Amino acid sequence: MYRMKNIVVLNGSPRKNGNTAELIKAFTVGAESVGHNVTCFDLQEMDIHPCLGCCAGGKDSESPCVQKDDMLKIYPAYKAADIVVLASPLYYWNISGQLKCAFDRLFAVAECNADYANPIKDSILLMAAEGYEFEEAELWYDRLMKHLGWKSLGKVLCGGVMSIGDIKGKAELEKARALGENIR
């Protein structure tokens, strides 16, 4: 038997009903079908400012960053999460600015520790793109996992999907659903 996992999805897509959103929906259906708790943050709809690089956070574990914006909604879920899903369209061969901006701000949680240790999580990468060249995004993600000490549970990368709805019928939707369903 396995225990229920808390999963946080950071959706870096600016399209509310785009192809990345469809990957997230499929993953969520799979994860919730076996009892996991999934919380998705649509970053495009949130007021999240870029990191100031001030290294002045970490003084209050409930509100770790000096900036008081919508990251305050993400921090508690992130700290409680067993798994962090990074979801993004492929923009200039990497993740979107929305996702990068929010992820940078998670450093404030690491600042709560004297040695700046990040909380250890498992992670998943979900990406949709017009093209098929995910190498740079995968390199970034793989290196991030290494540097944070996180474990990647998988990646679903769906190319050939430019317009909203292009992902319908693609095998990657089933892969995303199965990835969620097979989390133990």
Protein backbone atom coordinates (compact mmCIF):
# COMPACT_ATOMS: atom_id res chain seq x y z
CA MET A 1 0.00 0.00 0.00
CA TYR A 2 1.20 3.52 -0.65
CA ARG A 3 0.37 6.79 1.02
CA MET A 4 -1.46 9.66 -0.59
CA LYS A 5 0.90 12.30 -2.02
CA ASN A 6 0.46 16.04 -2.08
CA ILE A 7 1.22 17.26 -5.58
CA VAL A 8 1.72 20.89 -6.59
CA VAL A 9 1.54 21.82 -10.26
CA LEU A 10 3.18 25.07 -11.33
CA ASN A 11 1.51 25.84 -14.65
CA GLY A 12 3.74 28.23 -16.59
CA SER A 13 1.47 28.47 -19.63
CA PRO A 14 -0.21 31.77 -20.44
CA ARG A 15 -3.01 29.91 -22.24
CA LYS A 16 -5.77 28.96 -19.84
CA ASN A 17 -7.08 26.18 -22.11
CA GLY A 18 -3.92 25.44 -24.07
CA ASN A 19 -2.03 22.25 -24.74
CA THR A 20 -0.03 22.45 -21.51
CA ALA A 21 -3.31 22.74 -19.61
CA GLU A 22 -4.52 19.55 -21.31
CA LEU A 23 -1.38 17.70 -20.19
CA ILE A 24 -2.02 18.94 -16.65
CA LYS A 25 -5.66 17.82 -16.78
CA ALA A 26 -4.70 14.34 -17.97
CA PHE A 27 -2.00 14.02 -15.30
CA THR A 28 -4.42 15.26 -12.61
CA VAL A 29 -7.10 12.75 -13.62
CA GLY A 30 -4.58 9.94 -13.26
CA ALA A 31 -3.16 11.15 -9.95
CA GLU A 32 -6.53 11.86 -8.36
CA SER A 33 -7.93 8.50 -9.54
CA VAL A 34 -5.55 6.73 -7.15
CA GLY A 35 -6.10 9.12 -4.24
CA HIS A 36 -3.41 11.77 -4.59
CA ASN A 37 -4.15 15.42 -3.81
CA VAL A 38 -3.33 17.79 -6.70
CA THR A 39 -3.19 21.58 -6.40
CA CYS A 40 -2.54 23.55 -9.58
CA PHE A 41 -1.35 27.14 -9.68
CA ASP A 42 -1.97 28.95 -12.98
CA LEU A 43 0.95 31.32 -12.77
CA GLN A 44 -0.23 33.56 -15.60
CA GLU A 45 -3.27 34.53 -13.54
CA MET A 46 -1.25 35.33 -10.43
CA ASP A 47 0.56 38.48 -9.35
CA ILE A 48 4.11 37.16 -9.01
CA HIS A 49 7.05 39.53 -9.19
CA PRO A 50 10.56 38.49 -10.25
CA CYS A 51 13.14 37.64 -7.61
CA LEU A 52 15.00 40.70 -6.37
CA GLY A 53 18.16 38.76 -5.58
CA CYS A 54 18.20 40.50 -2.20
CA CYS A 55 18.92 37.37 -0.13
CA ALA A 56 16.83 38.96 2.62
CA GLY A 57 14.15 36.28 2.81
CA GLY A 58 13.85 33.35 5.15
CA LYS A 59 13.16 35.31 8.30
CA ASP A 60 9.52 34.17 8.54
CA SER A 61 8.77 30.60 7.49
CA GLU A 62 5.09 31.46 6.92
CA SER A 63 5.98 34.40 4.63
CA PRO A 64 9.55 33.66 3.56
CA CYS A 65 10.04 36.31 0.85
CA VAL A 66 10.30 40.05 1.44
CA GLN A 67 7.91 40.56 -1.46
CA LYS A 68 4.26 40.11 -0.53
CA ASP A 69 2.50 38.95 -3.66
CA ASP A 70 0.70 35.79 -4.79
CA MET A 71 3.71 33.62 -3.98
CA LEU A 72 2.21 33.66 -0.48
CA LYS A 73 -0.45 31.30 -1.88
CA ILE A 74 2.17 28.95 -3.32
CA TYR A 75 4.64 28.74 -0.41
CA PRO A 76 2.47 26.66 1.98
CA ALA A 77 1.44 24.22 -0.76
CA TYR A 78 5.05 23.94 -1.96
CA LYS A 79 6.32 23.22 1.54
CA ALA A 80 3.64 20.53 2.05
CA ALA A 81 4.16 18.99 -1.40
CA ASP A 82 5.74 15.61 -1.93
CA ILE A 83 5.87 16.20 -5.69
CA VAL A 84 6.31 19.39 -7.71
CA VAL A 85 5.13 19.28 -11.32
CA LEU A 86 6.74 21.82 -13.61
CA ALA A 87 4.40 22.42 -16.55
CA SER A 88 5.25 24.75 -19.39
CA PRO A 89 5.07 25.33 -23.08
CA LEU A 90 8.46 25.29 -24.78
CA TYR A 91 9.45 28.93 -25.29
CA TYR A 92 12.74 29.58 -27.05
CA TRP A 93 13.81 26.01 -26.22
CA ASN A 94 13.19 26.28 -22.49
CA ILE A 95 10.48 26.83 -19.89
CA SER A 96 8.27 29.92 -19.95
CA GLY A 97 9.15 33.09 -18.09
CA GLN A 98 6.11 32.62 -15.86
CA LEU A 99 7.43 29.30 -14.57
CA LYS A 100 11.02 30.49 -14.23
CA CYS A 101 9.91 33.60 -12.32
CA ALA A 102 7.87 31.58 -9.80
CA PHE A 103 10.50 28.89 -9.42
CA ASP A 104 13.21 31.49 -8.71
CA ARG A 105 11.04 32.84 -5.91
CA LEU A 106 11.02 29.43 -4.19
CA PHE A 107 14.57 30.28 -3.08
CA ALA A 108 12.98 32.22 -0.21
CA VAL A 109 11.94 28.86 1.29
CA ALA A 110 15.55 27.64 1.09
CA GLU A 111 16.61 30.86 2.84
CA CYS A 112 14.69 29.66 5.91
CA ASN A 113 17.51 27.13 6.41
CA ALA A 114 20.94 28.23 7.65
CA ASP A 115 22.65 26.36 4.81
CA TYR A 116 20.08 27.45 2.17
CA ALA A 117 19.00 23.84 1.73
CA ASN A 118 15.99 23.40 -0.51
CA PRO A 119 13.27 21.03 0.70
CA ILE A 120 13.71 17.66 -1.00
CA LYS A 121 10.92 16.85 -3.45
CA ASP A 122 10.11 14.52 -6.30
CA SER A 123 9.35 16.23 -9.58
CA ILE A 124 7.74 15.80 -12.98
CA LEU A 125 8.14 17.81 -16.17
CA LEU A 126 5.18 18.35 -18.51
CA MET A 127 5.79 20.31 -21.72
CA ALA A 128 4.00 21.07 -24.97
CA ALA A 129 5.57 22.67 -28.04
CA GLU A 130 5.13 23.49 -31.68
CA GLY A 131 8.44 21.77 -32.43
CA TYR A 132 10.17 18.71 -31.09
CA GLU A 133 13.46 20.06 -29.79
CA PHE A 134 13.23 19.75 -26.01
CA GLU A 135 16.96 19.17 -25.40
CA GLU A 136 17.73 22.51 -23.72
CA ALA A 137 14.64 22.32 -21.50
CA GLU A 138 15.50 18.76 -20.53
CA LEU A 139 19.09 19.75 -19.78
CA TRP A 140 17.87 22.59 -17.55
CA TYR A 141 15.41 20.28 -15.78
CA ASP A 142 17.91 17.43 -15.32
CA ARG A 143 20.54 19.81 -13.93
CA LEU A 144 17.95 21.41 -11.64
CA MET A 145 17.08 17.98 -10.25
CA LYS A 146 20.76 17.26 -9.65
CA HIS A 147 21.51 20.58 -7.95
CA LEU A 148 18.40 20.46 -5.74
CA GLY A 149 18.82 16.79 -4.88
CA TRP A 150 15.35 16.08 -6.23
CA LYS A 151 14.23 12.90 -7.99
CA SER A 152 12.52 13.13 -11.36
CA LEU A 153 9.54 10.79 -11.60
CA GLY A 154 9.20 11.38 -15.33
CA LYS A 155 8.74 13.71 -18.23
CA VAL A 156 5.97 14.03 -20.79
CA LEU A 157 7.08 16.12 -23.76
CA CYS A 158 4.54 16.67 -26.52
CA GLY A 159 5.72 18.24 -29.76
CA GLY A 160 3.72 19.23 -32.83
CA VAL A 161 1.06 21.15 -30.90
CA MET A 162 0.98 24.85 -31.73
CA SER A 163 -2.67 25.88 -31.68
CA ILE A 164 -5.03 25.37 -28.76
CA GLY A 165 -6.56 21.91 -29.10
CA ASP A 166 -3.79 20.43 -31.26
CA ILE A 167 -2.98 18.02 -28.43
CA LYS A 168 -6.37 16.25 -28.66
CA GLY A 169 -5.84 12.61 -29.50
CA LYS A 170 -2.08 12.69 -28.89
CA ALA A 171 -0.49 9.72 -27.11
CA GLU A 172 1.19 12.10 -24.65
CA LEU A 173 -2.17 12.75 -22.96
CA GLU A 174 -2.40 9.07 -22.07
CA LYS A 175 1.25 9.13 -20.95
CA ALA A 176 0.50 12.07 -18.63
CA ARG A 177 -2.56 10.33 -17.21
CA ALA A 178 -0.61 7.08 -16.67
CA LEU A 179 2.26 8.97 -15.03
CA GLY A 180 -0.18 10.47 -12.52
CA GLU A 181 -1.89 7.13 -11.94
CA ASN A 182 1.39 5.28 -11.34
CA ILE A 183 2.75 7.55 -8.61
CA ARG A 184 3.39 5.47 -5.51
